[in-house]
Structures are given as C-alpha cells and as structure tokens.
C-alpha cells in the first residue's frame, strides 16, 4: 500500500509541475497546480462512482486520500 501511495504522490507532483510550467503568469502558477489536483480528484471520484464495488474502486479510494493529503 505504501508503494502505491508513493507512486500516486510522484504522479501528482509530475502533473502539478506540468500545470505550473504551462502557466505564463507567474502569480497564477500555484493556482494552476491546485487546479490540477482539483481536476484529478474530480476525475478519480467519477471513476469510483462508475466502478463501485470493484477492487479498482478500492484502489481509487486510496488515490483520493493521497490527493486530499496534498491539498
């Protein structure tokens, strides 16, 4: 479980960095990274709803807890 959590953290950091890098307004870079996390959380939440009762849904619940810990 710890390995998966670490993998999620690495992926989130990577995508947040991409969002920061794409934002031309330096003052908005942190907001762009936050928006990335919010979009990821919303997408994962939707997948949990679609896959309710499966092992994938349980894995995605772990992903959401990692995302929420970063916010």
PDB file of N, CA and C in Angstrom:
ATOM      1  N   UNK A   1       0.829  -1.192   0.000  1.00  0.00           N
ATOM      2  CA  UNK A   1       0.000   0.000   0.000  1.00  0.00           C
ATOM      3  C   UNK A   1       0.873   1.255   0.000  1.00  0.00           C
ATOM      4  N   UNK A   2       1.959   1.223   0.756  1.00  0.00           N
ATOM      5  CA  UNK A   2       2.831   2.388   0.821  1.00  0.00           C
ATOM      6  C   UNK A   2       3.449   2.695  -0.543  1.00  0.00           C
ATOM      7  N   UNK A   3       3.798   1.650  -1.281  1.00  0.00           N
ATOM      8  CA  UNK A   3       4.383   1.837  -2.602  1.00  0.00           C
ATOM      9  C   UNK A   3       3.392   2.511  -3.540  1.00  0.00           C
ATOM     10  N   UNK A   4       2.131   2.086  -3.478  1.00  0.00           N
ATOM     11  CA  UNK A   4       1.111   2.716  -4.317  1.00  0.00           C
ATOM     12  C   UNK A   4       0.926   4.175  -3.950  1.00  0.00           C
ATOM     13  N   UNK A   5       0.898   4.460  -2.651  1.00  0.00           N
ATOM     14  CA  UNK A   5       0.740   5.844  -2.203  1.00  0.00           C
ATOM     15  C   UNK A   5       1.879   6.706  -2.723  1.00  0.00           C
ATOM     16  N   UNK A   6       3.086   6.170  -2.648  1.00  0.00           N
ATOM     17  CA  UNK A   6       4.243   6.916  -3.142  1.00  0.00           C
ATOM     18  C   UNK A   6       4.134   7.139  -4.648  1.00  0.00           C
ATOM     19  N   UNK A   7       3.691   6.131  -5.374  1.00  0.00           N
ATOM     20  CA  UNK A   7       3.518   6.276  -6.823  1.00  0.00           C
ATOM     21  C   UNK A   7       2.493   7.346  -7.171  1.00  0.00           C
ATOM     22  N   UNK A   8       1.422   7.404  -6.398  1.00  0.00           N
ATOM     23  CA  UNK A   8       0.400   8.430  -6.621  1.00  0.00           C
ATOM     24  C   UNK A   8       0.992   9.811  -6.361  1.00  0.00           C
ATOM     25  N   UNK A   9       1.747   9.935  -5.276  1.00  0.00           N
ATOM     26  CA  UNK A   9       2.369  11.234  -4.955  1.00  0.00           C
ATOM     27  C   UNK A   9       3.300  11.694  -6.067  1.00  0.00           C
ATOM     28  N   UNK A  10       4.086  10.776  -6.593  1.00  0.00           N
ATOM     29  CA  UNK A  10       5.019  11.111  -7.675  1.00  0.00           C
ATOM     30  C   UNK A  10       4.248  11.569  -8.908  1.00  0.00           C
ATOM     31  N   UNK A  11       3.210  10.852  -9.258  1.00  0.00           N
ATOM     32  CA  UNK A  11       2.416  11.227 -10.435  1.00  0.00           C
ATOM     33  C   UNK A  11       1.738  12.579 -10.239  1.00  0.00           C
ATOM     34  N   UNK A  12       1.183  12.813  -9.052  1.00  0.00           N
ATOM     35  CA  UNK A  12       0.541  14.099  -8.786  1.00  0.00           C
ATOM     36  C   UNK A  12       1.536  15.250  -8.868  1.00  0.00           C
ATOM     37  N   UNK A  13       2.706  15.050  -8.313  1.00  0.00           N
ATOM     38  CA  UNK A  13       3.740  16.089  -8.362  1.00  0.00           C
ATOM     39  C   UNK A  13       4.144  16.377  -9.804  1.00  0.00           C
ATOM     40  N   UNK A  14       4.267  15.331 -10.603  1.00  0.00           N
ATOM     41  CA  UNK A  14       4.632  15.492 -12.014  1.00  0.00           C
ATOM     42  C   UNK A  14       3.599  16.339 -12.759  1.00  0.00           C
ATOM     43  N   UNK A  15       2.333  15.988 -12.608  1.00  0.00           N
ATOM     44  CA  UNK A  15       1.297  16.722 -13.325  1.00  0.00           C
ATOM     45  C   UNK A  15       1.104  18.138 -12.785  1.00  0.00           C
ATOM     46  N   UNK A  16       1.237  18.310 -11.484  1.00  0.00           N
ATOM     47  CA  UNK A  16       1.155  19.659 -10.926  1.00  0.00           C
ATOM     48  C   UNK A  16       2.278  20.532 -11.480  1.00  0.00           C
ATOM     49  N   UNK A  17       3.466  19.946 -11.609  1.00  0.00           N
ATOM     50  CA  UNK A  17       4.596  20.688 -12.184  1.00  0.00           C
ATOM     51  C   UNK A  17       4.331  21.053 -13.638  1.00  0.00           C
ATOM     52  N   UNK A  18       3.715  20.158 -14.378  1.00  0.00           N
ATOM     53  CA  UNK A  18       3.357  20.472 -15.768  1.00  0.00           C
ATOM     54  C   UNK A  18       2.388  21.654 -15.826  1.00  0.00           C
ATOM     55  N   UNK A  19       1.381  21.654 -14.958  1.00  0.00           N
ATOM     56  CA  UNK A  19       0.428  22.759 -14.924  1.00  0.00           C
ATOM     57  C   UNK A  19       1.133  24.066 -14.574  1.00  0.00           C
ATOM     58  N   UNK A  20       2.041  24.014 -13.585  1.00  0.00           N
ATOM     59  CA  UNK A  20       2.802  25.218 -13.213  1.00  0.00           C
ATOM     60  C   UNK A  20       3.611  25.739 -14.399  1.00  0.00           C
ATOM     61  N   UNK A  21       4.298  24.846 -15.067  1.00  0.00           N
ATOM     62  CA  UNK A  21       5.167  25.229 -16.180  1.00  0.00           C
ATOM     63  C   UNK A  21       4.387  25.832 -17.348  1.00  0.00           C
ATOM     64  N   UNK A  22       3.157  25.376 -17.551  1.00  0.00           N
ATOM     65  CA  UNK A  22       2.353  25.881 -18.665  1.00  0.00           C
ATOM     66  C   UNK A  22       1.725  27.236 -18.380  1.00  0.00           C
ATOM     67  N   UNK A  23       1.664  27.621 -17.122  1.00  0.00           N
ATOM     68  CA  UNK A  23       1.060  28.909 -16.751  1.00  0.00           C
ATOM     69  C   UNK A  23       2.071  30.026 -16.997  1.00  0.00           C
ATOM     70  N   UNK A  24       1.725  30.955 -17.898  1.00  0.00           N
ATOM     71  CA  UNK A  24       2.654  32.039 -18.231  1.00  0.00           C
ATOM     72  C   UNK A  24       2.684  33.127 -17.156  1.00  0.00           C
ATOM     73  N   UNK A  25       1.583  33.305 -16.458  1.00  0.00           N
ATOM     74  CA  UNK A  25       1.510  34.307 -15.400  1.00  0.00           C
ATOM     75  C   UNK A  25       2.128  33.720 -14.128  1.00  0.00           C
ATOM     76  N   UNK A  26       3.271  34.258 -13.719  1.00  0.00           N
ATOM     77  CA  UNK A  26       3.994  33.711 -12.562  1.00  0.00           C
ATOM     78  C   UNK A  26       3.153  33.717 -11.299  1.00  0.00           C
ATOM     79  N   UNK A  27       2.300  34.699 -11.142  1.00  0.00           N
ATOM     80  CA  UNK A  27       1.460  34.797  -9.946  1.00  0.00           C
ATOM     81  C   UNK A  27       0.368  33.730  -9.893  1.00  0.00           C
ATOM     82  N   UNK A  28       0.075  33.135 -11.016  1.00  0.00           N
ATOM     83  CA  UNK A  28      -1.005  32.143 -11.100  1.00  0.00           C
ATOM     84  C   UNK A  28      -0.496  30.702 -11.102  1.00  0.00           C
ATOM     85  N   UNK A  29       0.795  30.514 -11.034  1.00  0.00           N
ATOM     86  CA  UNK A  29       1.349  29.156 -11.146  1.00  0.00           C
ATOM     87  C   UNK A  29       0.881  28.230 -10.038  1.00  0.00           C
ATOM     88  N   UNK A  30       0.841  28.703  -8.812  1.00  0.00           N
ATOM     89  CA  UNK A  30       0.386  27.832  -7.717  1.00  0.00           C
ATOM     90  C   UNK A  30      -1.102  27.513  -7.851  1.00  0.00           C
ATOM     91  N   UNK A  31      -1.868  28.480  -8.334  1.00  0.00           N
ATOM     92  CA  UNK A  31      -3.299  28.218  -8.556  1.00  0.00           C
ATOM     93  C   UNK A  31      -3.478  27.180  -9.660  1.00  0.00           C
ATOM     94  N   UNK A  32      -2.621  27.221 -10.662  1.00  0.00           N
ATOM     95  CA  UNK A  32      -2.686  26.230 -11.738  1.00  0.00           C
ATOM     96  C   UNK A  32      -2.391  24.836 -11.193  1.00  0.00           C
ATOM     97  N   UNK A  33      -1.403  24.725 -10.313  1.00  0.00           N
ATOM     98  CA  UNK A  33      -1.076  23.426  -9.716  1.00  0.00           C
ATOM     99  C   UNK A  33      -2.240  22.934  -8.857  1.00  0.00           C
ATOM    100  N   UNK A  34      -2.854  23.822  -8.112  1.00  0.00           N
ATOM    101  CA  UNK A  34      -4.011  23.452  -7.295  1.00  0.00           C
ATOM    102  C   UNK A  34      -5.173  23.000  -8.182  1.00  0.00           C
ATOM    103  N   UNK A  35      -5.368  23.698  -9.295  1.00  0.00           N
ATOM    104  CA  UNK A  35      -6.431  23.312 -10.235  1.00  0.00           C
ATOM    105  C   UNK A  35      -6.172  21.911 -10.782  1.00  0.00           C
ATOM    106  N   UNK A  36      -4.922  21.587 -11.015  1.00  0.00           N
ATOM    107  CA  UNK A  36      -4.558  20.250 -11.486  1.00  0.00           C
ATOM    108  C   UNK A  36      -5.019  19.203 -10.473  1.00  0.00           C
ATOM    109  N   UNK A  37      -4.722  19.429  -9.202  1.00  0.00           N
ATOM    110  CA  UNK A  37      -5.127  18.479  -8.168  1.00  0.00           C
ATOM    111  C   UNK A  37      -6.645  18.376  -8.062  1.00  0.00           C
ATOM    112  N   UNK A  38      -7.317  19.511  -8.172  1.00  0.00           N
ATOM    113  CA  UNK A  38      -8.778  19.503  -8.087  1.00  0.00           C
ATOM    114  C   UNK A  38      -9.388  18.722  -9.254  1.00  0.00           C
ATOM    115  N   UNK A  39      -8.844  18.918 -10.442  1.00  0.00           N
ATOM    116  CA  UNK A  39      -9.335  18.193 -11.617  1.00  0.00           C
ATOM    117  C   UNK A  39      -9.078  16.688 -11.477  1.00  0.00           C
ATOM    118  N   UNK A  40      -7.914  16.319 -10.987  1.00  0.00           N
ATOM    119  CA  UNK A  40      -7.589  14.908 -10.780  1.00  0.00           C
ATOM    120  C   UNK A  40      -8.541  14.283  -9.775  1.00  0.00           C
ATOM    121  N   UNK A  41      -8.785  14.998  -8.673  1.00  0.00           N
ATOM    122  CA  UNK A  41      -9.675  14.460  -7.643  1.00  0.00           C
ATOM    123  C   UNK A  41     -11.076  14.247  -8.205  1.00  0.00           C
ATOM    124  N   UNK A  42     -11.568  15.214  -8.966  1.00  0.00           N
ATOM    125  CA  UNK A  42     -12.907  15.092  -9.552  1.00  0.00           C
ATOM    126  C   UNK A  42     -12.972  13.905 -10.507  1.00  0.00           C
ATOM    127  N   UNK A  43     -11.927  13.720 -11.287  1.00  0.00           N
ATOM    128  CA  UNK A  43     -11.904  12.616 -12.236  1.00  0.00           C
ATOM    129  C   UNK A  43     -11.861  11.265 -11.517  1.00  0.00           C
ATOM    130  N   UNK A  44     -11.049  11.173 -10.483  1.00  0.00           N
ATOM    131  CA  UNK A  44     -10.953   9.929  -9.716  1.00  0.00           C
ATOM    132  C   UNK A  44     -12.281   9.638  -9.013  1.00  0.00           C
ATOM    133  N   UNK A  45     -12.902  10.675  -8.465  1.00  0.00           N
ATOM    134  CA  UNK A  45     -14.193  10.490  -7.793  1.00  0.00           C
ATOM    135  C   UNK A  45     -15.238   9.938  -8.769  1.00  0.00           C
ATOM    136  N   UNK A  46     -15.206  10.428  -9.992  1.00  0.00           N
ATOM    137  CA  UNK A  46     -16.142   9.927 -11.006  1.00  0.00           C
ATOM    138  C   UNK A  46     -15.862   8.453 -11.320  1.00  0.00           C
ATOM    139  N   UNK A  47     -14.604   8.093 -11.424  1.00  0.00           N
ATOM    140  CA  UNK A  47     -14.248   6.697 -11.682  1.00  0.00           C
ATOM    141  C   UNK A  47     -14.680   5.799 -10.525  1.00  0.00           C
ATOM    142  N   UNK A  48     -14.548   6.281  -9.293  1.00  0.00           N
ATOM    143  CA  UNK A  48     -15.005   5.493  -8.141  1.00  0.00           C
ATOM    144  C   UNK A  48     -16.497   5.223  -8.264  1.00  0.00           C
ATOM    145  N   UNK A  49     -17.252   6.249  -8.628  1.00  0.00           N
ATOM    146  CA  UNK A  49     -18.696   6.086  -8.785  1.00  0.00           C
ATOM    147  C   UNK A  49     -19.017   5.050  -9.864  1.00  0.00           C
ATOM    148  N   UNK A  50     -18.285   5.107 -10.974  1.00  0.00           N
ATOM    149  CA  UNK A  50     -18.540   4.188 -12.084  1.00  0.00           C
ATOM    150  C   UNK A  50     -18.138   2.747 -11.755  1.00  0.00           C
ATOM    151  N   UNK A  51     -17.143   2.588 -10.911  1.00  0.00           N
ATOM    152  CA  UNK A  51     -16.607   1.250 -10.618  1.00  0.00           C
ATOM    153  C   UNK A  51     -16.932   0.770  -9.207  1.00  0.00           C
ATOM    154  N   UNK A  52     -17.989   1.302  -8.651  1.00  0.00           N
ATOM    155  CA  UNK A  52     -18.395   0.964  -7.285  1.00  0.00           C
ATOM    156  C   UNK A  52     -18.481  -0.550  -7.099  1.00  0.00           C
ATOM    157  N   UNK A  53     -17.928  -1.018  -5.973  1.00  0.00           N
ATOM    158  CA  UNK A  53     -17.995  -2.437  -5.655  1.00  0.00           C
ATOM    159  C   UNK A  53     -16.890  -3.281  -6.268  1.00  0.00           C
ATOM    160  N   UNK A  54     -15.938  -2.675  -6.947  1.00  0.00           N
ATOM    161  CA  UNK A  54     -14.841  -3.423  -7.559  1.00  0.00           C
ATOM    162  C   UNK A  54     -13.535  -3.132  -6.829  1.00  0.00           C
ATOM    163  N   UNK A  55     -12.528  -3.934  -7.095  1.00  0.00           N
ATOM    164  CA  UNK A  55     -11.205  -3.692  -6.490  1.00  0.00           C
ATOM    165  C   UNK A  55     -10.595  -2.399  -7.026  1.00  0.00           C
ATOM    166  N   UNK A  56     -10.931  -2.035  -8.245  1.00  0.00           N
ATOM    167  CA  UNK A  56     -10.450  -0.770  -8.812  1.00  0.00           C
ATOM    168  C   UNK A  56     -10.988   0.405  -8.008  1.00  0.00           C
ATOM    169  N   UNK A  57     -12.232   0.336  -7.615  1.00  0.00           N
ATOM    170  CA  UNK A  57     -12.827   1.407  -6.808  1.00  0.00           C
ATOM    171  C   UNK A  57     -12.093   1.544  -5.487  1.00  0.00           C
ATOM    172  N   UNK A  58     -11.737   0.421  -4.881  1.00  0.00           N
ATOM    173  CA  UNK A  58     -10.996   0.462  -3.617  1.00  0.00           C
ATOM    174  C   UNK A  58      -9.626   1.103  -3.806  1.00  0.00           C
ATOM    175  N   UNK A  59      -8.962   0.779  -4.899  1.00  0.00           N
ATOM    176  CA  UNK A  59      -7.662   1.390  -5.197  1.00  0.00           C
ATOM    177  C   UNK A  59      -7.820   2.901  -5.394  1.00  0.00           C
ATOM    178  N   UNK A  60      -8.845   3.292  -6.107  1.00  0.00           N
ATOM    179  CA  UNK A  60      -9.065   4.716  -6.370  1.00  0.00           C
ATOM    180  C   UNK A  60      -9.388   5.489  -5.092  1.00  0.00           C
ATOM    181  N   UNK A  61     -10.004   4.827  -4.125  1.00  0.00           N
ATOM    182  CA  UNK A  61     -10.252   5.489  -2.838  1.00  0.00           C
ATOM    183  C   UNK A  61      -8.921   5.839  -2.173  1.00  0.00           C
ATOM    184  N   UNK A  62      -7.946   4.968  -2.305  1.00  0.00           N
ATOM    185  CA  UNK A  62      -6.605   5.249  -1.798  1.00  0.00           C
ATOM    186  C   UNK A  62      -6.016   6.464  -2.512  1.00  0.00           C
ATOM    187  N   UNK A  63      -6.206   6.516  -3.815  1.00  0.00           N
ATOM    188  CA  UNK A  63      -5.702   7.645  -4.599  1.00  0.00           C
ATOM    189  C   UNK A  63      -6.311   8.956  -4.098  1.00  0.00           C
ATOM    190  N   UNK A  64      -7.603   8.953  -3.835  1.00  0.00           N
ATOM    191  CA  UNK A  64      -8.267  10.169  -3.345  1.00  0.00           C
ATOM    192  C   UNK A  64      -7.690  10.597  -1.996  1.00  0.00           C
ATOM    193  N   UNK A  65      -7.415   9.659  -1.118  1.00  0.00           N
ATOM    194  CA  UNK A  65      -6.850  10.037   0.186  1.00  0.00           C
ATOM    195  C   UNK A  65      -5.474  10.681   0.017  1.00  0.00           C
ATOM    196  N   UNK A  66      -4.703  10.210  -0.943  1.00  0.00           N
ATOM    197  CA  UNK A  66      -3.389  10.817  -1.200  1.00  0.00           C
ATOM    198  C   UNK A  66      -3.570  12.219  -1.764  1.00  0.00           C
ATOM    199  N   UNK A  67      -4.506  12.383  -2.685  1.00  0.00           N
ATOM    200  CA  UNK A  67      -4.766  13.708  -3.268  1.00  0.00           C
ATOM    201  C   UNK A  67      -5.201  14.678  -2.175  1.00  0.00           C
ATOM    202  N   UNK A  68      -6.106  14.251  -1.332  1.00  0.00           N
ATOM    203  CA  UNK A  68      -6.607  15.131  -0.279  1.00  0.00           C
ATOM    204  C   UNK A  68      -5.518  15.487   0.727  1.00  0.00           C
ATOM    205  N   UNK A  69      -4.594  14.593   0.958  1.00  0.00           N
ATOM    206  CA  UNK A  69      -3.500  14.870   1.889  1.00  0.00           C
ATOM    207  C   UNK A  69      -2.583  15.973   1.345  1.00  0.00           C
ATOM    208  N   UNK A  70      -2.521  16.107   0.047  1.00  0.00           N
ATOM    209  CA  UNK A  70      -1.664  17.134  -0.586  1.00  0.00           C
ATOM    210  C   UNK A  70      -2.304  18.506  -0.570  1.00  0.00           C
ATOM    211  N   UNK A  71      -3.607  18.590  -0.414  1.00  0.00           N
ATOM    212  CA  UNK A  71      -4.283  19.881  -0.510  1.00  0.00           C
ATOM    213  C   UNK A  71      -4.267  20.620   0.787  1.00  0.00           C
TER     214      UNK A  71
END
